[in-house]
Amino acid sequence: MVKLHDALYAGRPFAHRALHVDFTPHIGVGNDPDPHVCLRQIALWNETEFALRGRVATLDLVRYEDDAVHTFAQVQLL
């Protein structure tokens, strides 16, 4: 994921990269309009150590607009 992140910020988008912030690989698992619901779910998940296994087959490029996430492109990775 780090290599993909770096590749996506190569070229013209590099000017928008925040060099003072390290990229932390992450995958969005869920969301809720109420941030307190998200915090409760995170606390619940963090009570037990677990691992997720799988593969990323699709990359969605999204924009956040009007309080909603909209996919504007999708890239098949496999």
PDB file of N, CA and C in Angstrom:
ATOM      1  N   MET A   1       0.817  -1.188   0.000  1.00  0.00           N
ATOM      2  CA  MET A   1       0.000   0.000   0.000  1.00  0.00           C
ATOM      3  C   MET A   1       0.866   1.259   0.000  1.00  0.00           C
ATOM      4  N   VAL A   2       2.025   1.188   0.642  1.00  0.00           N
ATOM      5  CA  VAL A   2       2.899   2.361   0.664  1.00  0.00           C
ATOM      6  C   VAL A   2       3.400   2.671  -0.741  1.00  0.00           C
ATOM      7  N   LYS A   3       3.780   1.633  -1.486  1.00  0.00           N
ATOM      8  CA  LYS A   3       4.248   1.843  -2.864  1.00  0.00           C
ATOM      9  C   LYS A   3       3.130   2.414  -3.732  1.00  0.00           C
ATOM     10  N   LEU A   4       1.915   1.922  -3.550  1.00  0.00           N
ATOM     11  CA  LEU A   4       0.776   2.443  -4.309  1.00  0.00           C
ATOM     12  C   LEU A   4       0.532   3.911  -3.948  1.00  0.00           C
ATOM     13  N   HIS A   5       0.580   4.236  -2.679  1.00  0.00           N
ATOM     14  CA  HIS A   5       0.414   5.624  -2.233  1.00  0.00           C
ATOM     15  C   HIS A   5       1.451   6.525  -2.896  1.00  0.00           C
ATOM     16  N   ASP A   6       2.714   6.100  -2.869  1.00  0.00           N
ATOM     17  CA  ASP A   6       3.778   6.903  -3.476  1.00  0.00           C
ATOM     18  C   ASP A   6       3.570   7.062  -4.976  1.00  0.00           C
ATOM     19  N   ALA A   7       3.135   5.991  -5.636  1.00  0.00           N
ATOM     20  CA  ALA A   7       2.899   6.057  -7.085  1.00  0.00           C
ATOM     21  C   ALA A   7       1.746   7.011  -7.412  1.00  0.00           C
ATOM     22  N   LEU A   8       0.705   7.007  -6.581  1.00  0.00           N
ATOM     23  CA  LEU A   8      -0.435   7.894  -6.822  1.00  0.00           C
ATOM     24  C   LEU A   8      -0.063   9.364  -6.637  1.00  0.00           C
ATOM     25  N   TYR A   9       0.933   9.631  -5.802  1.00  0.00           N
ATOM     26  CA  TYR A   9       1.371  11.008  -5.575  1.00  0.00           C
ATOM     27  C   TYR A   9       2.557  11.406  -6.445  1.00  0.00           C
ATOM     28  N   ALA A  10       2.957  10.566  -7.381  1.00  0.00           N
ATOM     29  CA  ALA A  10       4.061  10.906  -8.281  1.00  0.00           C
ATOM     30  C   ALA A  10       3.580  11.920  -9.317  1.00  0.00           C
ATOM     31  N   GLY A  11       4.499  12.670  -9.865  1.00  0.00           N
ATOM     32  CA  GLY A  11       4.141  13.616 -10.925  1.00  0.00           C
ATOM     33  C   GLY A  11       3.384  14.819 -10.400  1.00  0.00           C
ATOM     34  N   ARG A  12       2.358  15.238 -11.116  1.00  0.00           N
ATOM     35  CA  ARG A  12       1.615  16.467 -10.797  1.00  0.00           C
ATOM     36  C   ARG A  12       1.005  16.477  -9.392  1.00  0.00           C
ATOM     37  N   PRO A  13       0.442  15.350  -8.897  1.00  0.00           N
ATOM     38  CA  PRO A  13      -0.154  15.395  -7.554  1.00  0.00           C
ATOM     39  C   PRO A  13       0.864  15.612  -6.427  1.00  0.00           C
ATOM     40  N   PHE A  14       2.174  15.463  -6.724  1.00  0.00           N
ATOM     41  CA  PHE A  14       3.190  15.584  -5.675  1.00  0.00           C
ATOM     42  C   PHE A  14       3.105  16.929  -4.951  1.00  0.00           C
ATOM     43  N   ALA A  15       2.719  17.973  -5.655  1.00  0.00           N
ATOM     44  CA  ALA A  15       2.625  19.307  -5.051  1.00  0.00           C
ATOM     45  C   ALA A  15       1.600  19.350  -3.919  1.00  0.00           C
ATOM     46  N   HIS A  16       0.656  18.414  -3.903  1.00  0.00           N
ATOM     47  CA  HIS A  16      -0.399  18.392  -2.887  1.00  0.00           C
ATOM     48  C   HIS A  16      -0.086  17.445  -1.737  1.00  0.00           C
ATOM     49  N   ARG A  17       1.047  16.767  -1.791  1.00  0.00           N
ATOM     50  CA  ARG A  17       1.403  15.796  -0.756  1.00  0.00           C
ATOM     51  C   ARG A  17       1.931  16.524   0.479  1.00  0.00           C
ATOM     52  N   ALA A  18       1.462  16.127   1.637  1.00  0.00           N
ATOM     53  CA  ALA A  18       1.928  16.703   2.902  1.00  0.00           C
ATOM     54  C   ALA A  18       3.173  15.936   3.340  1.00  0.00           C
ATOM     55  N   LEU A  19       4.335  16.471   3.026  1.00  0.00           N
ATOM     56  CA  LEU A  19       5.589  15.767   3.292  1.00  0.00           C
ATOM     57  C   LEU A  19       5.875  15.616   4.784  1.00  0.00           C
ATOM     58  N   HIS A  20       5.297  16.453   5.615  1.00  0.00           N
ATOM     59  CA  HIS A  20       5.538  16.383   7.056  1.00  0.00           C
ATOM     60  C   HIS A  20       4.668  15.319   7.744  1.00  0.00           C
ATOM     61  N   VAL A  21       3.789  14.676   6.992  1.00  0.00           N
ATOM     62  CA  VAL A  21       2.905  13.654   7.550  1.00  0.00           C
ATOM     63  C   VAL A  21       3.245  12.312   6.916  1.00  0.00           C
ATOM     64  N   ASP A  22       3.625  11.336   7.753  1.00  0.00           N
ATOM     65  CA  ASP A  22       3.904   9.997   7.240  1.00  0.00           C
ATOM     66  C   ASP A  22       2.601   9.318   6.837  1.00  0.00           C
ATOM     67  N   PHE A  23       2.649   8.563   5.738  1.00  0.00           N
ATOM     68  CA  PHE A  23       1.484   7.797   5.312  1.00  0.00           C
ATOM     69  C   PHE A  23       1.388   6.541   6.165  1.00  0.00           C
ATOM     70  N   THR A  24       0.241   6.316   6.754  1.00  0.00           N
ATOM     71  CA  THR A  24      -0.022   5.102   7.509  1.00  0.00           C
ATOM     72  C   THR A  24      -0.968   4.241   6.690  1.00  0.00           C
ATOM     73  N   PRO A  25      -0.502   3.063   6.236  1.00  0.00           N
ATOM     74  CA  PRO A  25      -1.393   2.203   5.447  1.00  0.00           C
ATOM     75  C   PRO A  25      -2.662   1.889   6.242  1.00  0.00           C
ATOM     76  N   HIS A  26      -3.792   1.979   5.571  1.00  0.00           N
ATOM     77  CA  HIS A  26      -5.065   1.733   6.236  1.00  0.00           C
ATOM     78  C   HIS A  26      -6.110   1.321   5.205  1.00  0.00           C
ATOM     79  N   ILE A  27      -7.117   0.671   5.694  1.00  0.00           N
ATOM     80  CA  ILE A  27      -8.256   0.281   4.865  1.00  0.00           C
ATOM     81  C   ILE A  27      -9.508   0.701   5.624  1.00  0.00           C
ATOM     82  N   GLY A  28     -10.397   1.404   4.959  1.00  0.00           N
ATOM     83  CA  GLY A  28     -11.657   1.778   5.593  1.00  0.00           C
ATOM     84  C   GLY A  28     -12.559   0.561   5.707  1.00  0.00           C
ATOM     85  N   VAL A  29     -13.026   0.281   6.917  1.00  0.00           N
ATOM     86  CA  VAL A  29     -13.861  -0.893   7.145  1.00  0.00           C
ATOM     87  C   VAL A  29     -15.324  -0.511   7.295  1.00  0.00           C
ATOM     88  N   GLY A  30     -15.584   0.679   7.774  1.00  0.00           N
ATOM     89  CA  GLY A  30     -16.963   1.099   7.973  1.00  0.00           C
ATOM     90  C   GLY A  30     -17.019   2.572   8.291  1.00  0.00           C
ATOM     91  N   ASN A  31     -18.221   3.092   8.339  1.00  0.00           N
ATOM     92  CA  ASN A  31     -18.406   4.503   8.609  1.00  0.00           C
ATOM     93  C   ASN A  31     -19.814   4.717   9.149  1.00  0.00           C
ATOM     94  N   ASP A  32     -20.004   5.830   9.804  1.00  0.00           N
ATOM     95  CA  ASP A  32     -21.319   6.189  10.311  1.00  0.00           C
ATOM     96  C   ASP A  32     -21.383   7.712  10.381  1.00  0.00           C
ATOM     97  N   PRO A  33     -22.526   8.297  10.084  1.00  0.00           N
ATOM     98  CA  PRO A  33     -22.640   9.758  10.186  1.00  0.00           C
ATOM     99  C   PRO A  33     -22.363  10.280  11.603  1.00  0.00           C
ATOM    100  N   ASP A  34     -22.591   9.438  12.610  1.00  0.00           N
ATOM    101  CA  ASP A  34     -22.351   9.829  14.000  1.00  0.00           C
ATOM    102  C   ASP A  34     -20.951   9.369  14.414  1.00  0.00           C
ATOM    103  N   PRO A  35     -20.015  10.283  14.627  1.00  0.00           N
ATOM    104  CA  PRO A  35     -18.648   9.878  14.975  1.00  0.00           C
ATOM    105  C   PRO A  35     -18.570   9.109  16.289  1.00  0.00           C
ATOM    106  N   HIS A  36     -19.530   9.301  17.190  1.00  0.00           N
ATOM    107  CA  HIS A  36     -19.517   8.558  18.448  1.00  0.00           C
ATOM    108  C   HIS A  36     -19.794   7.073  18.221  1.00  0.00           C
ATOM    109  N   VAL A  37     -20.610   6.750  17.231  1.00  0.00           N
ATOM    110  CA  VAL A  37     -20.844   5.347  16.867  1.00  0.00           C
ATOM    111  C   VAL A  37     -19.526   4.728  16.404  1.00  0.00           C
ATOM    112  N   CYS A  38     -18.776   5.464  15.590  1.00  0.00           N
ATOM    113  CA  CYS A  38     -17.478   4.973  15.109  1.00  0.00           C
ATOM    114  C   CYS A  38     -16.518   4.756  16.277  1.00  0.00           C
ATOM    115  N   LEU A  39     -16.457   5.707  17.202  1.00  0.00           N
ATOM    116  CA  LEU A  39     -15.554   5.576  18.346  1.00  0.00           C
ATOM    117  C   LEU A  39     -15.910   4.375  19.212  1.00  0.00           C
ATOM    118  N   ARG A  40     -17.205   4.127  19.416  1.00  0.00           N
ATOM    119  CA  ARG A  40     -17.618   2.952  20.202  1.00  0.00           C
ATOM    120  C   ARG A  40     -17.214   1.662  19.499  1.00  0.00           C
ATOM    121  N   GLN A  41     -17.383   1.614  18.169  1.00  0.00           N
ATOM    122  CA  GLN A  41     -17.019   0.408  17.426  1.00  0.00           C
ATOM    123  C   GLN A  41     -15.509   0.187  17.473  1.00  0.00           C
ATOM    124  N   ILE A  42     -14.742   1.250  17.341  1.00  0.00           N
ATOM    125  CA  ILE A  42     -13.283   1.140  17.419  1.00  0.00           C
ATOM    126  C   ILE A  42     -12.868   0.611  18.785  1.00  0.00           C
ATOM    127  N   ALA A  43     -13.452   1.153  19.844  1.00  0.00           N
ATOM    128  CA  ALA A  43     -13.125   0.695  21.196  1.00  0.00           C
ATOM    129  C   ALA A  43     -13.449  -0.785  21.360  1.00  0.00           C
ATOM    130  N   LEU A  44     -14.575  -1.213  20.814  1.00  0.00           N
ATOM    131  CA  LEU A  44     -14.967  -2.619  20.889  1.00  0.00           C
ATOM    132  C   LEU A  44     -13.962  -3.504  20.162  1.00  0.00           C
ATOM    133  N   TRP A  45     -13.575  -3.101  18.940  1.00  0.00           N
ATOM    134  CA  TRP A  45     -12.603  -3.888  18.176  1.00  0.00           C
ATOM    135  C   TRP A  45     -11.243  -3.924  18.869  1.00  0.00           C
ATOM    136  N   ASN A  46     -10.862  -2.838  19.512  1.00  0.00           N
ATOM    137  CA  ASN A  46      -9.546  -2.771  20.143  1.00  0.00           C
ATOM    138  C   ASN A  46      -9.461  -3.554  21.446  1.00  0.00           C
ATOM    139  N   GLU A  47     -10.579  -4.074  21.939  1.00  0.00           N
ATOM    140  CA  GLU A  47     -10.557  -4.888  23.154  1.00  0.00           C
ATOM    141  C   GLU A  47      -9.872  -6.228  22.927  1.00  0.00           C
ATOM    142  N   THR A  48      -9.874  -6.703  21.700  1.00  0.00           N
ATOM    143  CA  THR A  48      -9.310  -8.006  21.364  1.00  0.00           C
ATOM    144  C   THR A  48      -8.345  -7.864  20.201  1.00  0.00           C
ATOM    145  N   GLU A  49      -7.219  -8.566  20.291  1.00  0.00           N
ATOM    146  CA  GLU A  49      -6.271  -8.547  19.183  1.00  0.00           C
ATOM    147  C   GLU A  49      -6.773  -9.489  18.087  1.00  0.00           C
ATOM    148  N   PHE A  50      -6.786  -9.014  16.859  1.00  0.00           N
ATOM    149  CA  PHE A  50      -7.227  -9.843  15.743  1.00  0.00           C
ATOM    150  C   PHE A  50      -6.539  -9.370  14.477  1.00  0.00           C
ATOM    151  N   ALA A  51      -6.585 -10.202  13.470  1.00  0.00           N
ATOM    152  CA  ALA A  51      -5.993  -9.858  12.173  1.00  0.00           C
ATOM    153  C   ALA A  51      -7.016 -10.118  11.081  1.00  0.00           C
ATOM    154  N   LEU A  52      -6.965  -9.305  10.055  1.00  0.00           N
ATOM    155  CA  LEU A  52      -7.800  -9.505   8.876  1.00  0.00           C
ATOM    156  C   LEU A  52      -6.923 -10.070   7.773  1.00  0.00           C
ATOM    157  N   ARG A  53      -7.437 -11.038   7.063  1.00  0.00           N
ATOM    158  CA  ARG A  53      -6.687 -11.638   5.972  1.00  0.00           C
ATOM    159  C   ARG A  53      -7.500 -11.491   4.694  1.00  0.00           C
ATOM    160  N   GLY A  54      -6.836 -11.178   3.619  1.00  0.00           N
ATOM    161  CA  GLY A  54      -7.541 -11.031   2.357  1.00  0.00           C
ATOM    162  C   GLY A  54      -6.658 -10.371   1.329  1.00  0.00           C
ATOM    163  N   ARG A  55      -7.268  -9.912   0.264  1.00  0.00           N
ATOM    164  CA  ARG A  55      -6.521  -9.201  -0.768  1.00  0.00           C
ATOM    165  C   ARG A  55      -7.362  -8.045  -1.279  1.00  0.00           C
ATOM    166  N   VAL A  56      -6.662  -7.021  -1.695  1.00  0.00           N
ATOM    167  CA  VAL A  56      -7.326  -5.842  -2.245  1.00  0.00           C
ATOM    168  C   VAL A  56      -7.418  -6.037  -3.748  1.00  0.00           C
ATOM    169  N   ALA A  57      -8.626  -6.128  -4.271  1.00  0.00           N
ATOM    170  CA  ALA A  57      -8.832  -6.382  -5.697  1.00  0.00           C
ATOM    171  C   ALA A  57      -9.209  -5.121  -6.462  1.00  0.00           C
ATOM    172  N   THR A  58      -9.747  -4.131  -5.759  1.00  0.00           N
ATOM    173  CA  THR A  58     -10.226  -2.918  -6.413  1.00  0.00           C
ATOM    174  C   THR A  58      -9.838  -1.698  -5.589  1.00  0.00           C
ATOM    175  N   LEU A  59      -9.425  -0.664  -6.278  1.00  0.00           N
ATOM    176  CA  LEU A  59      -9.118   0.609  -5.642  1.00  0.00           C
ATOM    177  C   LEU A  59     -10.170   1.613  -6.090  1.00  0.00           C
ATOM    178  N   ASP A  60     -10.895   2.186  -5.144  1.00  0.00           N
ATOM    179  CA  ASP A  60     -11.877   3.222  -5.463  1.00  0.00           C
ATOM    180  C   ASP A  60     -11.254   4.589  -5.213  1.00  0.00           C
ATOM    181  N   LEU A  61     -11.344   5.465  -6.188  1.00  0.00           N
ATOM    182  CA  LEU A  61     -10.928   6.850  -6.018  1.00  0.00           C
ATOM    183  C   LEU A  61     -12.189   7.637  -5.699  1.00  0.00           C
ATOM    184  N   VAL A  62     -12.170   8.310  -4.566  1.00  0.00           N
ATOM    185  CA  VAL A  62     -13.382   8.952  -4.070  1.00  0.00           C
ATOM    186  C   VAL A  62     -13.145  10.424  -3.768  1.00  0.00           C
ATOM    187  N   ARG A  63     -14.239  11.150  -3.709  1.00  0.00           N
ATOM    188  CA  ARG A  63     -14.194  12.534  -3.241  1.00  0.00           C
ATOM    189  C   ARG A  63     -15.278  12.688  -2.173  1.00  0.00           C
ATOM    190  N   TYR A  64     -14.987  13.497  -1.201  1.00  0.00           N
ATOM    191  CA  TYR A  64     -15.941  13.787  -0.137  1.00  0.00           C
ATOM    192  C   TYR A  64     -16.577  15.129  -0.456  1.00  0.00           C
ATOM    193  N   GLU A  65     -17.885  15.116  -0.683  1.00  0.00           N
ATOM    194  CA  GLU A  65     -18.582  16.318  -1.108  1.00  0.00           C
ATOM    195  C   GLU A  65     -20.019  16.260  -0.604  1.00  0.00           C
ATOM    196  N   ASP A  66     -20.525  17.365  -0.115  1.00  0.00           N
ATOM    197  CA  ASP A  66     -21.907  17.435   0.383  1.00  0.00           C
ATOM    198  C   ASP A  66     -22.184  16.376   1.445  1.00  0.00           C
ATOM    199  N   ASP A  67     -21.229  16.198   2.359  1.00  0.00           N
ATOM    200  CA  ASP A  67     -21.360  15.232   3.458  1.00  0.00           C
ATOM    201  C   ASP A  67     -21.531  13.796   2.984  1.00  0.00           C
ATOM    202  N   ALA A  68     -20.990  13.478   1.823  1.00  0.00           N
ATOM    203  CA  ALA A  68     -21.080  12.109   1.305  1.00  0.00           C
ATOM    204  C   ALA A  68     -19.810  11.776   0.528  1.00  0.00           C
ATOM    205  N   VAL A  69     -19.512  10.497   0.458  1.00  0.00           N
ATOM    206  CA  VAL A  69     -18.361  10.011  -0.307  1.00  0.00           C
ATOM    207  C   VAL A  69     -18.867   9.518  -1.653  1.00  0.00           C
ATOM    208  N   HIS A  70     -18.256   9.998  -2.724  1.00  0.00           N
ATOM    209  CA  HIS A  70     -18.661   9.635  -4.083  1.00  0.00           C
ATOM    210  C   HIS A  70     -17.478   8.999  -4.812  1.00  0.00           C
ATOM    211  N   THR A  71     -17.664   7.804  -5.354  1.00  0.00           N
ATOM    212  CA  THR A  71     -16.635   7.163  -6.165  1.00  0.00           C
ATOM    213  C   THR A  71     -16.641   7.791  -7.548  1.00  0.00           C
ATOM    214  N   PHE A  72     -15.470   8.274  -8.006  1.00  0.00           N
ATOM    215  CA  PHE A  72     -15.403   8.850  -9.349  1.00  0.00           C
ATOM    216  C   PHE A  72     -14.565   8.002 -10.293  1.00  0.00           C
ATOM    217  N   ALA A  73     -13.843   7.023  -9.771  1.00  0.00           N
ATOM    218  CA  ALA A  73     -13.099   6.091 -10.625  1.00  0.00           C
ATOM    219  C   ALA A  73     -12.816   4.832  -9.822  1.00  0.00           C
ATOM    220  N   GLN A  74     -12.665   3.741 -10.541  1.00  0.00           N
ATOM    221  CA  GLN A  74     -12.384   2.460  -9.908  1.00  0.00           C
ATOM    222  C   GLN A  74     -11.300   1.762 -10.715  1.00  0.00           C
ATOM    223  N   VAL A  75     -10.288   1.231 -10.014  1.00  0.00           N
ATOM    224  CA  VAL A  75      -9.164   0.567 -10.669  1.00  0.00           C
ATOM    225  C   VAL A  75      -9.138  -0.888 -10.219  1.00  0.00           C
ATOM    226  N   GLN A  76      -9.183  -1.811 -11.173  1.00  0.00           N
ATOM    227  CA  GLN A  76      -9.067  -3.233 -10.863  1.00  0.00           C
ATOM    228  C   GLN A  76      -7.591  -3.552 -10.644  1.00  0.00           C
ATOM    229  N   LEU A  77      -7.249  -4.129  -9.507  1.00  0.00           N
ATOM    230  CA  LEU A  77      -5.860  -4.420  -9.178  1.00  0.00           C
ATOM    231  C   LEU A  77      -5.479  -5.862  -9.480  1.00  0.00           C
ATOM    232  N   LEU A  78      -6.442  -6.746  -9.547  1.00  0.00           N
ATOM    233  CA  LEU A  78      -6.157  -8.169  -9.812  1.00  0.00           C
ATOM    234  C   LEU A  78      -6.806  -8.604 -11.100  1.00  0.00           C
TER     235      LEU A  78
END
